[in-house]
Amino acid sequence: MPVEVGMKAPAFVLLDAVEGERHSLEEALQRGPVVLAIYKASCQASKTAMPFLERIFEAYPAERLTVWGVAQDSANVTRSFIRRYGISFPVLLDEDDYAVSRAFDIPETPTISLIDQAGTVLWQASGFQKQAMAELSRRVAELLGVEPVDIVAGTDDVPDWVPG
């Protein structure tokens, strides 16, 4: 059964693709909410979404918000993707068994979830929708009690929708 808004996010621990450091959802939630994007490097919607997630990562305080990508790719492919798209937030490896993708039972890539500190999925979107990215930024700002940042400003060259 897919994890949906209002449900608890499955706990997990994964290694990041660059540093090889262990990242635990439970530990991240102790600091604040988590934006989690499960993606595949070959997916056009994922390629379109990741720069918007980078904008969210840069716009809000990192000590209060965790942004993670969860890659359905090898470490080498993931590191290449990170370089190509200028990603500075941690990208975790879903390993060969895709345990996190299966636990969330995602319908497509990317599947992006906003998880509150209690571990509840507050917001979710699949594929790429520019308005969904704007809404995610507003929801993050609301959770953090700060002014929202317009992360879609200046992206007229990006399509409004890309299927996952």
Protein backbone atom coordinates (compact mmCIF):
# COMPACT_ATOMS: atom_id res chain seq x y z
CA MET A 1 0.00 0.00 0.00
CA PRO A 2 1.49 3.37 -0.98
CA VAL A 3 2.44 5.83 1.74
CA GLU A 4 -0.01 8.70 1.42
CA VAL A 5 -0.57 12.07 3.04
CA GLY A 6 -1.54 11.57 6.69
CA MET A 7 0.40 8.32 7.06
CA LYS A 8 3.64 7.73 8.96
CA ALA A 9 6.74 7.65 6.79
CA PRO A 10 8.65 4.36 6.96
CA ALA A 11 11.86 4.60 8.98
CA PHE A 12 15.10 4.01 7.10
CA VAL A 13 18.85 4.38 7.20
CA LEU A 14 20.80 4.86 3.95
CA LEU A 15 24.32 5.87 2.92
CA ASP A 16 24.92 8.99 0.88
CA ALA A 17 26.50 8.68 -2.55
CA VAL A 18 29.33 11.15 -2.03
CA GLU A 19 30.60 10.86 1.54
CA GLY A 20 29.34 7.37 2.34
CA GLU A 21 27.84 8.73 5.56
CA ARG A 22 24.88 7.04 7.23
CA HIS A 23 21.63 9.04 7.25
CA SER A 24 18.66 8.08 9.41
CA LEU A 25 15.19 9.48 8.86
CA GLU A 26 14.54 9.24 12.60
CA GLU A 27 17.63 11.33 13.41
CA ALA A 28 16.84 13.92 10.73
CA LEU A 29 13.31 14.38 12.07
CA GLN A 30 14.75 15.30 15.48
CA ARG A 31 16.14 18.47 13.82
CA GLY A 32 13.04 19.36 11.82
CA PRO A 33 10.94 18.40 8.81
CA VAL A 34 12.32 16.41 5.87
CA VAL A 35 11.79 16.84 2.14
CA LEU A 36 12.40 13.44 0.57
CA ALA A 37 12.62 12.94 -3.20
CA ILE A 38 12.83 9.37 -4.50
CA TYR A 39 14.09 9.61 -8.06
CA LYS A 40 15.77 7.88 -11.01
CA ALA A 41 18.55 9.61 -12.97
CA SER A 42 17.13 8.51 -16.33
CA CYS A 43 13.68 10.00 -15.58
CA GLN A 44 13.04 13.37 -17.26
CA ALA A 45 10.65 14.45 -14.50
CA SER A 46 13.38 13.73 -11.94
CA LYS A 47 15.91 15.73 -13.95
CA THR A 48 13.47 18.65 -14.02
CA ALA A 49 12.53 18.46 -10.33
CA MET A 50 15.95 18.22 -8.72
CA PRO A 51 17.06 21.83 -9.44
CA PHE A 52 13.86 23.03 -7.75
CA LEU A 53 14.68 20.93 -4.70
CA GLU A 54 18.14 22.49 -4.73
CA ARG A 55 16.44 25.91 -4.62
CA ILE A 56 14.42 24.79 -1.57
CA PHE A 57 17.59 23.48 0.08
CA GLU A 58 19.34 26.81 -0.50
CA ALA A 59 16.33 28.94 0.52
CA TYR A 60 15.58 27.55 3.97
CA PRO A 61 17.76 27.03 7.06
CA ALA A 62 19.61 23.70 6.76
CA GLU A 63 19.77 23.33 10.54
CA ARG A 64 15.96 23.17 10.61
CA LEU A 65 15.12 21.44 7.29
CA THR A 66 16.59 18.30 5.76
CA VAL A 67 16.40 17.84 1.99
CA TRP A 68 17.39 14.43 0.64
CA GLY A 69 17.32 12.75 -2.70
CA VAL A 70 16.99 8.96 -2.68
CA ALA A 71 18.53 7.57 -5.85
CA GLN A 72 17.39 4.41 -7.59
CA ASP A 73 20.77 4.26 -9.32
CA SER A 74 24.31 3.05 -8.71
CA ALA A 75 26.75 5.19 -6.73
CA ASN A 76 28.64 6.14 -9.93
CA VAL A 77 25.50 7.17 -11.82
CA THR A 78 24.29 9.09 -8.75
CA ARG A 79 27.55 11.00 -8.33
CA SER A 80 27.50 11.92 -12.03
CA PHE A 81 23.87 13.13 -11.69
CA ILE A 82 24.79 15.22 -8.64
CA ARG A 83 27.60 16.93 -10.55
CA ARG A 84 25.54 17.44 -13.72
CA TYR A 85 22.61 19.04 -11.88
CA GLY A 86 24.59 20.94 -9.23
CA ILE A 87 23.00 19.19 -6.27
CA SER A 88 24.51 20.15 -2.91
CA PHE A 89 22.07 18.39 -0.56
CA PRO A 90 22.74 14.75 0.39
CA VAL A 91 21.66 12.12 -2.12
CA LEU A 92 21.20 8.70 -0.57
CA LEU A 93 21.52 5.35 -2.32
CA ASP A 94 18.44 3.12 -2.29
CA GLU A 95 20.77 0.15 -2.87
CA ASP A 96 20.00 -2.75 -5.18
CA ASP A 97 16.89 -3.90 -3.35
CA TYR A 98 15.17 -0.47 -3.49
CA ALA A 99 14.02 -0.89 0.12
CA VAL A 100 12.95 2.74 0.59
CA SER A 101 11.18 2.93 -2.78
CA ARG A 102 9.35 -0.28 -1.93
CA ALA A 103 8.54 0.85 1.63
CA PHE A 104 6.99 4.08 0.27
CA ASP A 105 5.47 2.06 -2.62
CA ILE A 106 5.98 5.01 -4.96
CA PRO A 107 3.81 5.25 -8.10
CA GLU A 108 6.47 6.98 -10.24
CA THR A 109 9.63 9.03 -10.07
CA PRO A 110 10.19 11.41 -8.68
CA THR A 111 7.94 11.01 -5.69
CA ILE A 112 8.49 13.91 -3.32
CA SER A 113 7.25 13.87 0.26
CA LEU A 114 7.25 16.50 3.00
CA ILE A 115 7.49 14.78 6.37
CA ASP A 116 6.86 16.64 9.63
CA GLN A 117 8.85 16.12 12.83
CA ALA A 118 6.33 13.56 14.07
CA GLY A 119 7.12 11.45 10.98
CA THR A 120 3.80 12.11 9.25
CA VAL A 121 3.69 12.72 5.50
CA LEU A 122 2.09 16.18 5.18
CA TRP A 123 2.40 16.67 1.43
CA GLN A 124 3.29 14.54 -1.56
CA ALA A 125 3.62 14.82 -5.34
CA SER A 126 4.74 12.52 -8.15
CA GLY A 127 6.26 13.43 -11.47
CA PHE A 128 7.08 17.10 -11.96
CA GLN A 129 4.61 19.95 -11.65
CA LYS A 130 5.95 23.46 -11.32
CA GLN A 131 2.99 24.54 -9.19
CA ALA A 132 3.55 21.59 -6.87
CA MET A 133 7.13 22.79 -6.33
CA ALA A 134 5.80 26.25 -5.46
CA GLU A 135 3.32 24.67 -3.06
CA LEU A 136 6.08 22.59 -1.47
CA SER A 137 8.09 25.76 -0.83
CA ARG A 138 5.05 27.38 0.80
CA ARG A 139 4.41 24.32 2.98
CA VAL A 140 8.07 24.19 4.08
CA ALA A 141 7.98 27.90 4.99
CA GLU A 142 4.77 27.35 6.95
CA LEU A 143 6.32 24.48 8.94
CA LEU A 144 9.44 26.53 9.67
CA GLY A 145 7.50 29.71 10.49
CA VAL A 146 9.33 31.80 7.87
CA GLU A 147 8.38 33.73 4.76
CA PRO A 148 8.00 31.49 1.68
CA VAL A 149 10.54 31.77 -1.12
CA ASP A 150 9.30 31.82 -4.73
CA ILE A 151 11.39 28.96 -6.12
CA VAL A 152 9.74 29.04 -9.55
CA ALA A 153 10.65 32.67 -10.30
CA GLY A 154 12.77 32.94 -13.42
CA THR A 155 11.96 29.45 -14.69
CA ASP A 156 9.85 30.37 -17.72
CA ASP A 157 11.99 28.02 -19.82
CA VAL A 158 10.93 25.03 -17.67
CA PRO A 159 7.69 23.24 -18.62
CA ASP A 160 4.82 23.43 -16.15
CA TRP A 161 4.45 19.63 -16.13
CA VAL A 162 6.62 16.62 -16.90
CA PRO A 163 5.19 13.12 -16.35
CA GLY A 164 7.12 10.72 -14.14
